[in-house]
PDB file of N, CA and C in Angstrom:
ATOM      1  N   MET A   1     105.158  83.180  85.212  1.00  0.00           N
ATOM      2  CA  MET A   1     105.128  82.624  86.563  1.00  0.00           C
ATOM      3  C   MET A   1     105.027  83.754  87.593  1.00  0.00           C
ATOM      4  N   SER A   2     104.363  83.451  88.656  1.00  0.00           N
ATOM      5  CA  SER A   2     104.245  84.418  89.744  1.00  0.00           C
ATOM      6  C   SER A   2     105.612  84.638  90.388  1.00  0.00           C
ATOM      7  N   PRO A   3     105.823  85.824  90.942  1.00  0.00           N
ATOM      8  CA  PRO A   3     107.130  86.116  91.556  1.00  0.00           C
ATOM      9  C   PRO A   3     107.555  85.119  92.642  1.00  0.00           C
ATOM     10  N   LYS A   4     106.609  84.573  93.375  1.00  0.00           N
ATOM     11  CA  LYS A   4     106.955  83.663  94.478  1.00  0.00           C
ATOM     12  C   LYS A   4     106.842  82.185  94.104  1.00  0.00           C
ATOM     13  N   PHE A   5     106.580  81.902  92.817  1.00  0.00           N
ATOM     14  CA  PHE A   5     106.389  80.519  92.383  1.00  0.00           C
ATOM     15  C   PHE A   5     107.576  79.630  92.751  1.00  0.00           C
ATOM     16  N   GLU A   6     108.767  80.030  92.383  1.00  0.00           N
ATOM     17  CA  GLU A   6     109.947  79.192  92.624  1.00  0.00           C
ATOM     18  C   GLU A   6     110.174  78.957  94.117  1.00  0.00           C
ATOM     19  N   LYS A   7     109.912  79.975  94.916  1.00  0.00           N
ATOM     20  CA  LYS A   7     110.089  79.843  96.369  1.00  0.00           C
ATOM     21  C   LYS A   7     109.100  78.822  96.943  1.00  0.00           C
ATOM     22  N   VAL A   8     107.827  78.959  96.568  1.00  0.00           N
ATOM     23  CA  VAL A   8     106.792  78.036  97.052  1.00  0.00           C
ATOM     24  C   VAL A   8     107.093  76.621  96.567  1.00  0.00           C
ATOM     25  N   LYS A   9     107.452  76.490  95.298  1.00  0.00           N
ATOM     26  CA  LYS A   9     107.766  75.181  94.715  1.00  0.00           C
ATOM     27  C   LYS A   9     108.929  74.531  95.457  1.00  0.00           C
ATOM     28  N   GLY A  10     109.943  75.312  95.751  1.00  0.00           N
ATOM     29  CA  GLY A  10     111.103  74.795  96.479  1.00  0.00           C
ATOM     30  C   GLY A  10     110.739  74.325  97.878  1.00  0.00           C
ATOM     31  N   TYR A  11     109.945  75.102  98.574  1.00  0.00           N
ATOM     32  CA  TYR A  11     109.513  74.712  99.919  1.00  0.00           C
ATOM     33  C   TYR A  11     108.752  73.388  99.876  1.00  0.00           C
ATOM     34  N   TYR A  12     107.864  73.240  98.888  1.00  0.00           N
ATOM     35  CA  TYR A  12     107.080  72.009  98.774  1.00  0.00           C
ATOM     36  C   TYR A  12     107.976  70.819  98.428  1.00  0.00           C
ATOM     37  N   GLU A  13     108.840  71.004  97.466  1.00  0.00           N
ATOM     38  CA  GLU A  13     109.718  69.909  97.037  1.00  0.00           C
ATOM     39  C   GLU A  13     110.705  69.497  98.122  1.00  0.00           C
ATOM     40  N   ASP A  14     111.099  70.431  98.961  1.00  0.00           N
ATOM     41  CA  ASP A  14     112.028  70.122 100.053  1.00  0.00           C
ATOM     42  C   ASP A  14     111.322  69.544 101.277  1.00  0.00           C
ATOM     43  N   GLY A  15     109.991  69.453 101.205  1.00  0.00           N
ATOM     44  CA  GLY A  15     109.229  68.886 102.317  1.00  0.00           C
ATOM     45  C   GLY A  15     108.968  69.856 103.448  1.00  0.00           C
ATOM     46  N   LEU A  16     109.246  71.128 103.206  1.00  0.00           N
ATOM     47  CA  LEU A  16     109.021  72.128 104.248  1.00  0.00           C
ATOM     48  C   LEU A  16     107.559  72.574 104.294  1.00  0.00           C
ATOM     49  N   TRP A  17     106.892  72.488 103.152  1.00  0.00           N
ATOM     50  CA  TRP A  17     105.477  72.846 103.053  1.00  0.00           C
ATOM     51  C   TRP A  17     104.674  71.639 102.587  1.00  0.00           C
ATOM     52  N   ASN A  18     103.428  71.533 103.084  1.00  0.00           N
ATOM     53  CA  ASN A  18     102.523  70.502 102.597  1.00  0.00           C
ATOM     54  C   ASN A  18     101.521  71.141 101.629  1.00  0.00           C
ATOM     55  N   LYS A  19     100.602  70.352 101.110  1.00  0.00           N
ATOM     56  CA  LYS A  19      99.649  70.860 100.115  1.00  0.00           C
ATOM     57  C   LYS A  19      98.756  71.962 100.675  1.00  0.00           C
ATOM     58  N   THR A  20      98.414  71.865 101.936  1.00  0.00           N
ATOM     59  CA  THR A  20      97.580  72.902 102.556  1.00  0.00           C
ATOM     60  C   THR A  20      98.311  74.237 102.560  1.00  0.00           C
ATOM     61  N   MET A  21      99.588  74.200 102.824  1.00  0.00           N
ATOM     62  CA  MET A  21     100.369  75.433 102.844  1.00  0.00           C
ATOM     63  C   MET A  21     100.487  76.024 101.437  1.00  0.00           C
ATOM     64  N   VAL A  22     100.632  75.165 100.439  1.00  0.00           N
ATOM     65  CA  VAL A  22     100.685  75.638  99.053  1.00  0.00           C
ATOM     66  C   VAL A  22      99.329  76.232  98.675  1.00  0.00           C
ATOM     67  N   LYS A  23      98.255  75.601  99.118  1.00  0.00           N
ATOM     68  CA  LYS A  23      96.899  76.107  98.860  1.00  0.00           C
ATOM     69  C   LYS A  23      96.727  77.490  99.487  1.00  0.00           C
ATOM     70  N   ASN A  24      97.272  77.682 100.666  1.00  0.00           N
ATOM     71  CA  ASN A  24      97.207  78.992 101.315  1.00  0.00           C
ATOM     72  C   ASN A  24      97.959  80.047 100.512  1.00  0.00           C
ATOM     73  N   ALA A  25      99.022  79.634  99.834  1.00  0.00           N
ATOM     74  CA  ALA A  25      99.765  80.563  98.984  1.00  0.00           C
ATOM     75  C   ALA A  25      98.895  81.040  97.821  1.00  0.00           C
ATOM     76  N   VAL A  26      98.012  80.162  97.318  1.00  0.00           N
ATOM     77  CA  VAL A  26      97.073  80.569  96.270  1.00  0.00           C
ATOM     78  C   VAL A  26      96.086  81.585  96.840  1.00  0.00           C
ATOM     79  N   LYS A  27      95.560  81.291  98.018  1.00  0.00           N
ATOM     80  CA  LYS A  27      94.584  82.189  98.653  1.00  0.00           C
ATOM     81  C   LYS A  27      95.177  83.568  98.912  1.00  0.00           C
ATOM     82  N   LYS A  28      96.463  83.613  99.218  1.00  0.00           N
ATOM     83  CA  LYS A  28      97.136  84.889  99.487  1.00  0.00           C
ATOM     84  C   LYS A  28      97.550  85.612  98.208  1.00  0.00           C
ATOM     85  N   GLY A  29      97.384  84.938  97.068  1.00  0.00           N
ATOM     86  CA  GLY A  29      97.748  85.552  95.807  1.00  0.00           C
ATOM     87  C   GLY A  29      99.215  85.431  95.447  1.00  0.00           C
ATOM     88  N   TRP A  30      99.930  84.593  96.172  1.00  0.00           N
ATOM     89  CA  TRP A  30     101.362  84.408  95.894  1.00  0.00           C
ATOM     90  C   TRP A  30     101.570  83.616  94.614  1.00  0.00           C
ATOM     91  N   ILE A  31     100.703  82.620  94.362  1.00  0.00           N
ATOM     92  CA  ILE A  31     100.761  81.802  93.149  1.00  0.00           C
ATOM     93  C   ILE A  31      99.341  81.641  92.627  1.00  0.00           C
ATOM     94  N   THR A  32      99.221  81.161  91.399  1.00  0.00           N
ATOM     95  CA  THR A  32      97.899  80.947  90.811  1.00  0.00           C
ATOM     96  C   THR A  32      97.449  79.501  91.034  1.00  0.00           C
ATOM     97  N   ALA A  33      96.172  79.257  90.738  1.00  0.00           N
ATOM     98  CA  ALA A  33      95.639  77.897  90.837  1.00  0.00           C
ATOM     99  C   ALA A  33      96.352  76.974  89.847  1.00  0.00           C
ATOM    100  N   ALA A  34      96.675  77.503  88.679  1.00  0.00           N
ATOM    101  CA  ALA A  34      97.398  76.704  87.678  1.00  0.00           C
ATOM    102  C   ALA A  34      98.793  76.337  88.193  1.00  0.00           C
ATOM    103  N   GLU A  35      99.430  77.251  88.885  1.00  0.00           N
ATOM    104  CA  GLU A  35     100.756  76.975  89.453  1.00  0.00           C
ATOM    105  C   GLU A  35     100.664  75.967  90.597  1.00  0.00           C
ATOM    106  N   TYR A  36      99.546  75.987  91.329  1.00  0.00           N
ATOM    107  CA  TYR A  36      99.327  74.974  92.366  1.00  0.00           C
ATOM    108  C   TYR A  36      99.376  73.587  91.745  1.00  0.00           C
ATOM    109  N   LYS A  37      98.722  73.433  90.584  1.00  0.00           N
ATOM    110  CA  LYS A  37      98.710  72.131  89.905  1.00  0.00           C
ATOM    111  C   LYS A  37     100.113  71.738  89.449  1.00  0.00           C
ATOM    112  N   ILE A  38     100.884  72.702  88.964  1.00  0.00           N
ATOM    113  CA  ILE A  38     102.258  72.418  88.551  1.00  0.00           C
ATOM    114  C   ILE A  38     103.079  71.920  89.744  1.00  0.00           C
ATOM    115  N   ILE A  39     102.906  72.549  90.877  1.00  0.00           N
ATOM    116  CA  ILE A  39     103.690  72.211  92.067  1.00  0.00           C
ATOM    117  C   ILE A  39     103.270  70.875  92.677  1.00  0.00           C
ATOM    118  N   THR A  40     101.958  70.688  92.856  1.00  0.00           N
ATOM    119  CA  THR A  40     101.474  69.508  93.587  1.00  0.00           C
ATOM    120  C   THR A  40     101.037  68.358  92.689  1.00  0.00           C
ATOM    121  N   GLY A  41     100.738  68.665  91.426  1.00  0.00           N
ATOM    122  CA  GLY A  41     100.227  67.628  90.521  1.00  0.00           C
ATOM    123  C   GLY A  41      98.739  67.384  90.675  1.00  0.00           C
ATOM    124  N   GLU A  42      98.084  68.200  91.493  1.00  0.00           N
ATOM    125  CA  GLU A  42      96.652  68.062  91.715  1.00  0.00           C
ATOM    126  C   GLU A  42      95.941  69.360  91.367  1.00  0.00           C
ATOM    127  N   LYS A  43      94.686  69.234  90.929  1.00  0.00           N
ATOM    128  CA  LYS A  43      93.889  70.416  90.604  1.00  0.00           C
ATOM    129  C   LYS A  43      93.584  71.184  91.890  1.00  0.00           C
ATOM    130  N   TYR A  44      93.645  72.505  91.818  1.00  0.00           N
ATOM    131  CA  TYR A  44      93.329  73.344  92.969  1.00  0.00           C
ATOM    132  C   TYR A  44      91.832  73.367  93.205  1.00  0.00           C
ATOM    133  N   THR A  45      91.423  73.091  94.421  1.00  0.00           N
ATOM    134  CA  THR A  45      90.023  73.237  94.835  1.00  0.00           C
ATOM    135  C   THR A  45      89.994  74.044  96.115  1.00  0.00           C
ATOM    136  N   LYS A  46      88.956  74.862  96.235  1.00  0.00           N
ATOM    137  CA  LYS A  46      88.833  75.698  97.428  1.00  0.00           C
ATOM    138  C   LYS A  46      88.423  74.836  98.539  1.00  0.00           C
TER     139      LYS A  46
END
């Protein structure tokens, strides 16, 4: 898992971040596209 995976996942699950914000975390390299799917349940698309 990426170092920031748990932090991003927590923000999303707590309702602090939406899917767009999680997608931005992928773009910044904080998490991977595969981790995006784990967090949101949806396939990552650019």
